[in-house]
């Protein structure tokens, strides 16, 4: 959860936006912007689950656990 998420591929497990895969192109405190096909989708972190593949392992993260500004996440999660 301390790593940079921009540029990572992610699978959205549950959210109001449905179930899909894409690449994270931007992040704010409350949302991810994900490039999906030929468009970008803004997905709220709250009430969503994200499946990342990091160093060969699949990691399921609840959006409420990472609802920080990207630059503050490293300070808050220890």
C-alpha atoms as a PDB file:
ATOM      1  CA  UNK A   1       0.000   0.000   0.000  1.00  0.00           C
ATOM      2  CA  UNK A   2       3.025   2.263   0.205  1.00  0.00           C
ATOM      3  CA  UNK A   3       3.977   1.982  -3.451  1.00  0.00           C
ATOM      4  CA  UNK A   4       3.038   4.313  -6.280  1.00  0.00           C
ATOM      5  CA  UNK A   5      -0.212   3.183  -7.879  1.00  0.00           C
ATOM      6  CA  UNK A   6      -0.019   5.312 -11.040  1.00  0.00           C
ATOM      7  CA  UNK A   7       1.029   3.089 -13.922  1.00  0.00           C
ATOM      8  CA  UNK A   8      -0.097  -0.143 -12.245  1.00  0.00           C
ATOM      9  CA  UNK A   9      -2.675  -2.458 -13.769  1.00  0.00           C
ATOM     10  CA  UNK A  10      -5.673  -2.996 -11.535  1.00  0.00           C
ATOM     11  CA  UNK A  11      -8.818  -5.078 -11.533  1.00  0.00           C
ATOM     12  CA  UNK A  12     -11.863  -3.427  -9.980  1.00  0.00           C
ATOM     13  CA  UNK A  13     -13.577  -6.089  -7.881  1.00  0.00           C
ATOM     14  CA  UNK A  14     -16.563  -4.122  -6.623  1.00  0.00           C
ATOM     15  CA  UNK A  15     -17.755  -0.561  -7.046  1.00  0.00           C
ATOM     16  CA  UNK A  16     -20.627   1.403  -8.517  1.00  0.00           C
ATOM     17  CA  UNK A  17     -18.688   1.376 -11.808  1.00  0.00           C
ATOM     18  CA  UNK A  18     -18.868  -2.381 -12.276  1.00  0.00           C
ATOM     19  CA  UNK A  19     -16.151  -5.022 -12.649  1.00  0.00           C
ATOM     20  CA  UNK A  20     -13.323  -4.242 -15.090  1.00  0.00           C
ATOM     21  CA  UNK A  21      -9.548  -4.039 -15.573  1.00  0.00           C
ATOM     22  CA  UNK A  22      -7.339  -1.144 -16.586  1.00  0.00           C
ATOM     23  CA  UNK A  23      -4.257   0.931 -15.872  1.00  0.00           C
ATOM     24  CA  UNK A  24      -4.210   3.677 -13.236  1.00  0.00           C
ATOM     25  CA  UNK A  25      -3.320   6.994 -14.879  1.00  0.00           C
ATOM     26  CA  UNK A  26      -4.103   9.401 -12.012  1.00  0.00           C
ATOM     27  CA  UNK A  27      -4.882   9.329  -8.311  1.00  0.00           C
ATOM     28  CA  UNK A  28      -6.395  11.753  -5.849  1.00  0.00           C
ATOM     29  CA  UNK A  29      -7.358  11.379  -2.207  1.00  0.00           C
ATOM     30  CA  UNK A  30     -10.754   9.891  -3.052  1.00  0.00           C
ATOM     31  CA  UNK A  31     -10.476   8.507  -6.597  1.00  0.00           C
ATOM     32  CA  UNK A  32      -8.447   6.596  -9.154  1.00  0.00           C
ATOM     33  CA  UNK A  33      -8.601   7.504 -12.832  1.00  0.00           C
ATOM     34  CA  UNK A  34      -8.302   4.288 -14.789  1.00  0.00           C
ATOM     35  CA  UNK A  35      -7.616   3.945 -18.516  1.00  0.00           C
ATOM     36  CA  UNK A  36     -10.028   1.320 -19.806  1.00  0.00           C
ATOM     37  CA  UNK A  37      -9.989   0.601 -23.520  1.00  0.00           C
ATOM     38  CA  UNK A  38     -10.337   3.911 -25.336  1.00  0.00           C
ATOM     39  CA  UNK A  39     -11.619   5.969 -22.383  1.00  0.00           C
ATOM     40  CA  UNK A  40     -10.834   6.929 -18.806  1.00  0.00           C
ATOM     41  CA  UNK A  41     -13.071   6.043 -15.879  1.00  0.00           C
ATOM     42  CA  UNK A  42     -12.991   7.765 -12.488  1.00  0.00           C
ATOM     43  CA  UNK A  43     -13.534   5.209  -9.722  1.00  0.00           C
ATOM     44  CA  UNK A  44     -14.172   6.292  -6.125  1.00  0.00           C
ATOM     45  CA  UNK A  45     -11.916   4.601  -3.566  1.00  0.00           C
ATOM     46  CA  UNK A  46     -14.628   4.442  -0.900  1.00  0.00           C
ATOM     47  CA  UNK A  47     -16.848   1.358  -1.205  1.00  0.00           C
ATOM     48  CA  UNK A  48     -14.560  -0.204  -3.859  1.00  0.00           C
ATOM     49  CA  UNK A  49     -12.140  -3.116  -3.835  1.00  0.00           C
ATOM     50  CA  UNK A  50      -9.040  -3.162  -6.012  1.00  0.00           C
ATOM     51  CA  UNK A  51      -7.000  -6.217  -7.004  1.00  0.00           C
ATOM     52  CA  UNK A  52      -3.369  -5.338  -7.748  1.00  0.00           C
ATOM     53  CA  UNK A  53      -0.604  -7.671  -8.880  1.00  0.00           C
ATOM     54  CA  UNK A  54       2.536  -6.582  -7.073  1.00  0.00           C
ATOM     55  CA  UNK A  55       5.831  -8.466  -7.306  1.00  0.00           C
ATOM     56  CA  UNK A  56       4.043 -11.553  -8.615  1.00  0.00           C
ATOM     57  CA  UNK A  57       1.415 -11.632  -5.863  1.00  0.00           C
ATOM     58  CA  UNK A  58      -2.236 -10.616  -6.059  1.00  0.00           C
ATOM     59  CA  UNK A  59      -3.205  -8.110  -3.380  1.00  0.00           C
ATOM     60  CA  UNK A  60      -6.813  -7.149  -2.651  1.00  0.00           C
ATOM     61  CA  UNK A  61      -7.128  -3.668  -1.146  1.00  0.00           C
ATOM     62  CA  UNK A  62     -10.271  -1.992   0.128  1.00  0.00           C
ATOM     63  CA  UNK A  63     -10.418   1.594  -1.085  1.00  0.00           C
ATOM     64  CA  UNK A  64     -11.131   2.961   2.389  1.00  0.00           C
ATOM     65  CA  UNK A  65      -7.686   1.674   3.485  1.00  0.00           C
ATOM     66  CA  UNK A  66      -5.904   3.875   0.921  1.00  0.00           C
ATOM     67  CA  UNK A  67      -8.124   6.952   1.043  1.00  0.00           C
ATOM     68  CA  UNK A  68      -5.240   9.376   1.472  1.00  0.00           C
ATOM     69  CA  UNK A  69      -3.517  11.805  -0.826  1.00  0.00           C
ATOM     70  CA  UNK A  70      -0.814   9.838  -2.650  1.00  0.00           C
ATOM     71  CA  UNK A  71       1.962  11.923  -1.119  1.00  0.00           C
ATOM     72  CA  UNK A  72       0.593  11.353   2.418  1.00  0.00           C
ATOM     73  CA  UNK A  73      -0.012   7.616   2.119  1.00  0.00           C
ATOM     74  CA  UNK A  74       3.573   6.650   2.973  1.00  0.00           C
ATOM     75  CA  UNK A  75       3.482   8.763   6.146  1.00  0.00           C
ATOM     76  CA  UNK A  76       0.143   7.377   7.384  1.00  0.00           C
ATOM     77  CA  UNK A  77       0.494   3.664   6.610  1.00  0.00           C
ATOM     78  CA  UNK A  78       3.268   2.060   8.639  1.00  0.00           C
END
